[in-house]
Amino acid sequence: MTAEILSPDAEEAQLQEQPAPACVMTFNASEPSGAGGIAGDVATIAAMGAHALPVVCSIVMRDTAEVFDHHAIDADVIAEQARSILEDVTIAAWKVGFLGSTEGVSTVAEILSDYPDVPLVAYMPNLSWVEEDAQQAYLDAFRELVLPQTEVLVGSHQTLTDFLLPDWDGERPASPRELAVAAGEHGTRFVLVTSVLIQSSKTPDQYMDNVLASPQGAITGEKFERFDVSFVGAGDTLAAALASLLASGAELHAAVGEALAFLDQALDAGFRPGMGNVVPDRFFWALPPGEDEDEDGAPDEAADTGTPPKSPRHIH
């Protein structure tokens, strides 16, 4: 039997019939560890079945343990990167990470404002490594220009508290609802708060909560067992996964649950490429089965050790 040879016109017609994946534009920093930033976003978006349109806003010098320095990209260069592809490709969602400078924030916010119907997932990383005055100016600009356009603001409980409620002095930690109220005052519809410590007399510090909240209260969330290792790139992974799911048409409640499950599995399969922190494995589902698993990923009954099978890259 011979393979059917298609004419160029027929091949083009076949390609045109195949639906394109949803496109997500991500504004973020480029950093050489590949753990977070643009590289992490591209890997996550691809793993979620969408197509990434990456716009570099800063160059960050770092390894898997710490950040050493960064250089912001000129605002005109940021704008040219984005505008060039936006004239050609229709996008279905935005993801915003570290934008490098107040000028970068202003430029990205102006681009976002031209597409008000496209959902925006904004991630606020820990910026303690940025010089204090520059950090404060950046956060002020982000509050004023990006939050009013944000559908979901993602960040750890401590980072979002420092960002949204810098004068918080309550005896108890701020609740996800209180963070959502503070974000809502700037126009943000929802917050996805991660790493909320769950206090329990039986299992102290063993579980962390992750909560989607609006100013009206908590909406949904997932509790995960606390890992004994430190990760780099987890927040970027969650935000990019959520943006990809929204781009594909998922409803927010379901998208948050799926994005959190994806993050949990990516962290569980995380690997340590260097001497620093662990990197999430966004392609955990593509790993070969472990020694105690069959080809379908199920445990081998003949090798019942009483413990769950682990991927070849497991770090805990």
Protein backbone atom coordinates (compact mmCIF):
# COMPACT_ATOMS: atom_id res chain seq x y z
CA MET A 1 0.00 0.00 0.00
CA THR A 2 1.46 3.33 -1.00
CA ALA A 3 1.08 6.55 0.95
CA GLU A 4 -1.22 9.12 -0.55
CA ILE A 5 0.70 12.08 -1.94
CA LEU A 6 -1.12 15.36 -1.54
CA SER A 7 -0.65 18.40 -3.68
CA PRO A 8 0.63 21.59 -1.94
CA ASP A 9 -2.87 23.06 -2.18
CA ALA A 10 -4.40 19.97 -0.57
CA GLU A 11 -1.81 19.99 2.22
CA GLU A 12 -2.56 23.64 2.90
CA ALA A 13 -6.29 22.90 2.99
CA GLN A 14 -5.69 20.11 5.53
CA LEU A 15 -3.63 22.41 7.72
CA GLN A 16 -6.31 25.09 7.56
CA GLU A 17 -8.90 22.58 8.78
CA GLN A 18 -6.95 21.88 11.96
CA PRO A 19 -8.02 24.27 14.75
CA ALA A 20 -5.19 26.35 16.14
CA PRO A 21 -4.52 26.23 19.89
CA ALA A 22 -5.54 29.22 21.98
CA CYS A 23 -2.81 31.85 22.09
CA VAL A 24 -1.61 33.39 25.36
CA MET A 25 0.63 36.45 25.40
CA THR A 26 2.95 36.53 28.38
CA PHE A 27 4.91 39.57 29.56
CA ASN A 28 7.74 38.47 31.82
CA ALA A 29 11.46 38.44 32.49
CA SER A 30 13.98 36.18 30.79
CA GLU A 31 16.19 34.34 33.25
CA PRO A 32 18.77 31.62 32.62
CA SER A 33 17.64 29.02 35.16
CA GLY A 34 14.56 28.19 33.09
CA ALA A 35 12.61 27.79 36.31
CA GLY A 36 10.30 30.77 35.99
CA GLY A 37 9.99 33.88 33.86
CA ILE A 38 9.45 33.55 30.13
CA ALA A 39 10.94 30.05 29.91
CA GLY A 40 8.65 28.78 32.66
CA ASP A 41 5.64 30.44 31.06
CA VAL A 42 6.34 28.95 27.62
CA ALA A 43 6.77 25.46 29.09
CA THR A 44 3.59 25.73 31.16
CA ILE A 45 1.45 27.16 28.38
CA ALA A 46 2.64 24.45 26.00
CA ALA A 47 1.96 21.75 28.59
CA MET A 48 -1.59 23.08 28.93
CA GLY A 49 -2.17 22.77 25.19
CA ALA A 50 -2.06 26.47 24.34
CA HIS A 51 0.45 28.50 22.34
CA ALA A 52 2.69 31.08 24.03
CA LEU A 53 3.48 34.52 22.61
CA PRO A 54 6.38 35.60 24.87
CA VAL A 55 7.35 39.24 25.33
CA VAL A 56 10.60 39.85 27.24
CA CYS A 57 10.43 42.78 29.67
CA SER A 58 13.63 42.28 31.66
CA ILE A 59 16.80 40.19 31.80
CA VAL A 60 17.28 38.69 35.27
CA MET A 61 20.63 37.27 36.36
CA ARG A 62 20.01 34.37 38.68
CA ASP A 63 20.68 30.72 39.42
CA THR A 64 18.31 28.23 41.01
CA ALA A 65 19.06 29.64 44.49
CA GLU A 66 18.97 33.43 44.22
CA VAL A 67 18.69 36.54 42.05
CA PHE A 68 21.83 38.62 41.52
CA ASP A 69 20.76 41.51 39.28
CA HIS A 70 18.39 42.51 36.51
CA HIS A 71 18.32 44.82 33.50
CA ALA A 72 15.00 46.23 32.32
CA ILE A 73 14.24 46.16 28.58
CA ASP A 74 13.59 49.54 26.98
CA ALA A 75 9.87 50.32 26.99
CA ASP A 76 9.80 50.92 23.23
CA VAL A 77 11.33 47.49 22.64
CA ILE A 78 8.67 45.88 24.85
CA ALA A 79 5.93 47.64 22.90
CA GLU A 80 7.42 46.70 19.53
CA GLN A 81 7.65 43.02 20.49
CA ALA A 82 4.00 42.92 21.50
CA ARG A 83 2.50 45.13 18.80
CA SER A 84 4.29 43.24 16.02
CA ILE A 85 2.63 39.92 16.82
CA LEU A 86 -0.70 41.39 17.98
CA GLU A 87 -1.20 42.74 14.48
CA ASP A 88 -0.94 39.18 13.19
CA VAL A 89 -2.31 36.80 15.85
CA THR A 90 -5.54 36.81 17.84
CA ILE A 91 -4.93 36.20 21.53
CA ALA A 92 -7.29 34.62 24.05
CA ALA A 93 -5.62 35.55 27.36
CA TRP A 94 -2.79 37.57 28.91
CA LYS A 95 -0.33 36.53 31.58
CA VAL A 96 1.75 39.19 33.33
CA GLY A 97 4.81 38.49 35.47
CA PHE A 98 7.76 40.73 36.32
CA LEU A 99 7.77 43.74 33.98
CA GLY A 100 11.21 45.08 34.88
CA SER A 101 10.54 48.76 35.60
CA THR A 102 7.83 51.36 36.08
CA GLU A 103 8.24 52.26 32.40
CA GLY A 104 7.68 48.61 31.55
CA VAL A 105 4.54 48.55 33.69
CA SER A 106 3.21 51.65 31.96
CA THR A 107 3.91 50.28 28.48
CA VAL A 108 2.35 46.89 29.15
CA ALA A 109 -0.70 48.49 30.79
CA GLU A 110 -1.25 50.63 27.69
CA ILE A 111 -1.15 47.53 25.47
CA LEU A 112 -3.56 45.67 27.76
CA SER A 113 -6.00 48.56 27.68
CA ASP A 114 -6.47 48.13 23.93
CA TYR A 115 -7.93 44.64 24.48
CA PRO A 116 -10.30 45.02 27.45
CA ASP A 117 -12.24 41.82 26.70
CA VAL A 118 -9.17 39.53 26.92
CA PRO A 119 -8.82 38.05 30.44
CA LEU A 120 -5.65 38.99 32.32
CA VAL A 121 -3.96 36.80 34.94
CA ALA A 122 -1.32 38.84 36.79
CA TYR A 123 1.31 37.23 39.00
CA MET A 124 2.99 39.24 41.76
CA PRO A 125 6.35 37.66 42.65
CA ASN A 126 8.43 38.36 45.74
CA LEU A 127 10.55 41.37 44.75
CA SER A 128 12.58 41.65 47.93
CA TRP A 129 15.74 41.45 45.81
CA VAL A 130 14.90 44.76 44.05
CA GLU A 131 16.37 47.96 45.56
CA GLU A 132 13.82 49.48 47.95
CA ASP A 133 13.02 52.75 46.14
CA ALA A 134 12.77 51.04 42.74
CA GLN A 135 10.64 48.29 44.26
CA GLN A 136 8.20 50.77 45.79
CA ALA A 137 7.86 52.72 42.55
CA TYR A 138 7.26 49.50 40.63
CA LEU A 139 4.58 48.29 43.05
CA ASP A 140 2.83 51.68 43.00
CA ALA A 141 2.74 51.65 39.20
CA PHE A 142 1.46 48.06 39.16
CA ARG A 143 -1.36 48.95 41.58
CA GLU A 144 -2.41 51.98 39.57
CA LEU A 145 -2.07 50.65 36.02
CA VAL A 146 -2.26 46.84 35.96
CA LEU A 147 -4.61 45.92 38.80
CA PRO A 148 -7.58 47.81 37.28
CA GLN A 149 -7.34 45.52 34.25
CA THR A 150 -6.73 42.25 36.11
CA GLU A 151 -9.22 39.40 36.21
CA VAL A 152 -7.19 37.27 38.66
CA LEU A 153 -4.21 38.40 40.75
CA VAL A 154 -2.02 35.44 41.78
CA GLY A 155 0.54 35.46 44.57
CA SER A 156 1.62 33.91 47.83
CA HIS A 157 -0.22 34.93 50.99
CA GLN A 158 2.75 36.85 52.39
CA THR A 159 3.63 38.60 49.12
CA LEU A 160 0.04 39.70 48.48
CA THR A 161 -0.31 40.90 52.06
CA ASP A 162 2.84 43.02 51.72
CA PHE A 163 1.63 44.33 48.35
CA LEU A 164 -2.05 44.97 49.04
CA LEU A 165 -2.06 45.59 52.81
CA PRO A 166 1.41 46.97 53.61
CA ASP A 167 0.18 48.50 56.89
CA TRP A 168 -1.48 45.31 58.13
CA ASP A 169 -0.77 44.96 61.84
CA GLY A 170 -3.51 42.59 62.92
CA GLU A 171 -2.73 39.81 65.37
CA ARG A 172 -3.95 37.28 62.83
CA PRO A 173 -2.93 37.00 59.15
CA ALA A 174 -5.09 38.78 56.58
CA SER A 175 -7.72 36.48 55.10
CA PRO A 176 -8.02 35.82 51.34
CA ARG A 177 -11.27 37.80 51.38
CA GLU A 178 -9.52 40.80 52.95
CA LEU A 179 -6.84 40.61 50.28
CA ALA A 180 -9.57 40.42 47.63
CA VAL A 181 -11.24 43.51 49.09
CA ALA A 182 -7.94 45.40 48.93
CA ALA A 183 -7.33 44.26 45.34
CA GLY A 184 -10.93 45.08 44.43
CA GLU A 185 -10.41 48.68 45.50
CA HIS A 186 -7.99 48.91 42.56
CA GLY A 187 -10.34 47.13 40.13
CA THR A 188 -9.14 43.52 40.35
CA ARG A 189 -12.01 41.03 40.31
CA PHE A 190 -10.42 38.02 42.04
CA VAL A 191 -7.30 36.98 43.93
CA LEU A 192 -5.79 33.50 43.97
CA VAL A 193 -3.87 33.35 47.23
CA THR A 194 -1.35 30.54 47.63
CA SER A 195 0.58 29.18 50.60
CA VAL A 196 -2.01 30.10 53.22
CA LEU A 197 -0.81 28.32 56.36
CA ILE A 198 -3.40 26.05 57.98
CA GLN A 199 -2.93 25.91 61.72
CA SER A 200 -3.80 22.58 63.31
CA SER A 201 -2.98 21.24 66.74
CA LYS A 202 -2.72 17.71 65.33
CA THR A 203 -0.62 18.48 62.26
CA PRO A 204 1.04 21.88 62.76
CA ASP A 205 2.29 23.53 59.56
CA GLN A 206 1.62 20.35 57.55
CA TYR A 207 -0.91 21.73 55.07
CA MET A 208 -1.11 24.88 52.95
CA ASP A 209 -4.33 26.29 51.52
CA ASN A 210 -4.76 27.92 48.12
CA VAL A 211 -7.87 30.07 47.86
CA LEU A 212 -9.66 31.89 45.06
CA ALA A 213 -11.53 34.81 46.61
CA SER A 214 -13.57 37.84 45.62
CA PRO A 215 -14.46 40.80 47.84
CA GLN A 216 -17.59 38.86 48.78
CA GLY A 217 -15.63 35.91 50.17
CA ALA A 218 -13.77 32.70 49.35
CA ILE A 219 -15.00 30.93 46.22
CA THR A 220 -12.95 27.76 45.85
CA GLY A 221 -9.59 26.33 46.72
CA GLU A 222 -7.42 23.30 47.33
CA LYS A 223 -5.43 22.20 50.36
CA PHE A 224 -2.05 20.63 49.63
CA GLU A 225 0.38 18.86 51.89
CA ARG A 226 3.40 21.04 52.56
CA PHE A 227 6.56 20.08 50.67
CA ASP A 228 9.83 19.80 52.57
CA VAL A 229 11.80 21.52 49.82
CA SER A 230 11.88 25.03 48.34
CA PHE A 231 10.78 25.65 44.77
CA VAL A 232 11.53 28.34 42.22
CA GLY A 233 8.99 29.14 39.49
CA ALA A 234 5.87 27.80 41.23
CA GLY A 235 3.91 31.07 41.07
CA ASP A 236 4.68 31.65 37.40
CA THR A 237 3.59 28.07 36.71
CA LEU A 238 0.22 28.49 38.43
CA ALA A 239 -0.55 31.83 36.80
CA ALA A 240 0.44 30.65 33.31
CA ALA A 241 -1.60 27.46 33.70
CA LEU A 242 -4.65 29.47 34.77
CA ALA A 243 -4.25 31.92 31.86
CA SER A 244 -4.02 28.98 29.43
CA LEU A 245 -7.19 27.39 30.76
CA LEU A 246 -9.11 30.66 30.58
CA ALA A 247 -7.82 31.14 27.03
CA SER A 248 -9.25 27.73 26.13
CA GLY A 249 -12.68 28.77 27.40
CA ALA A 250 -12.73 27.13 30.83
CA GLU A 251 -14.96 28.66 33.49
CA LEU A 252 -12.97 30.36 36.26
CA HIS A 253 -14.01 28.06 39.10
CA ALA A 254 -13.05 24.93 37.13
CA ALA A 255 -9.92 26.55 35.69
CA VAL A 256 -8.58 27.36 39.16
CA GLY A 257 -9.10 23.78 40.34
CA GLU A 258 -7.38 22.37 37.27
CA ALA A 259 -4.49 24.86 37.46
CA LEU A 260 -3.89 24.05 41.13
CA ALA A 261 -3.94 20.31 40.40
CA PHE A 262 -1.46 20.86 37.56
CA LEU A 263 0.85 22.84 39.86
CA ASP A 264 0.68 20.21 42.59
CA GLN A 265 1.68 17.46 40.18
CA ALA A 266 4.41 19.61 38.61
CA LEU A 267 5.88 20.26 42.06
CA ASP A 268 5.53 16.62 43.07
CA ALA A 269 7.58 15.63 40.02
CA GLY A 270 10.00 18.53 40.50
CA PHE A 271 13.71 18.13 39.92
CA ARG A 272 16.86 19.86 41.12
CA PRO A 273 19.03 20.77 38.11
CA GLY A 274 21.67 22.56 40.16
CA MET A 275 22.70 23.23 43.74
CA GLY A 276 19.77 25.51 44.59
CA ASN A 277 16.00 25.12 44.67
CA VAL A 278 13.75 22.61 42.95
CA VAL A 279 12.20 23.39 39.55
CA PRO A 280 8.60 22.31 38.75
CA ASP A 281 8.36 19.69 36.02
CA ARG A 282 5.59 20.99 33.76
CA PHE A 283 5.83 17.86 31.61
CA PHE A 284 5.41 15.39 34.46
CA TRP A 285 2.71 13.62 32.43
CA ALA A 286 5.22 12.82 29.67
CA LEU A 287 7.73 11.06 31.95
CA PRO A 288 8.42 7.36 31.38
CA PRO A 289 6.90 5.08 34.03
CA GLY A 290 9.02 4.43 37.11
CA GLU A 291 10.49 1.09 38.03
CA ASP A 292 7.40 0.15 40.06
CA GLU A 293 4.90 1.21 37.39
CA ASP A 294 3.65 -0.50 34.27
CA GLU A 295 3.35 1.22 30.90
CA ASP A 296 -0.08 2.61 31.82
CA GLY A 297 1.35 4.36 34.89
CA ALA A 298 -0.26 1.88 37.30
CA PRO A 299 1.73 0.21 40.09
CA ASP A 300 3.21 -3.18 39.27
CA GLU A 301 1.31 -5.70 41.41
CA ALA A 302 4.40 -7.92 41.55
CA ALA A 303 6.41 -5.13 43.13
CA ASP A 304 4.06 -4.05 45.90
CA THR A 305 6.23 -2.10 48.35
CA GLY A 306 3.38 -0.42 50.20
CA THR A 307 4.53 3.03 49.03
CA PRO A 308 3.30 5.10 46.08
CA PRO A 309 5.36 4.79 42.89
CA LYS A 310 7.63 7.74 42.18
CA SER A 311 8.77 9.26 38.94
CA PRO A 312 12.47 8.90 38.05
CA ARG A 313 12.95 12.57 38.89
CA HIS A 314 11.28 12.70 42.30
CA ILE A 315 13.11 14.85 44.82
CA HIS A 316 11.31 13.87 48.05
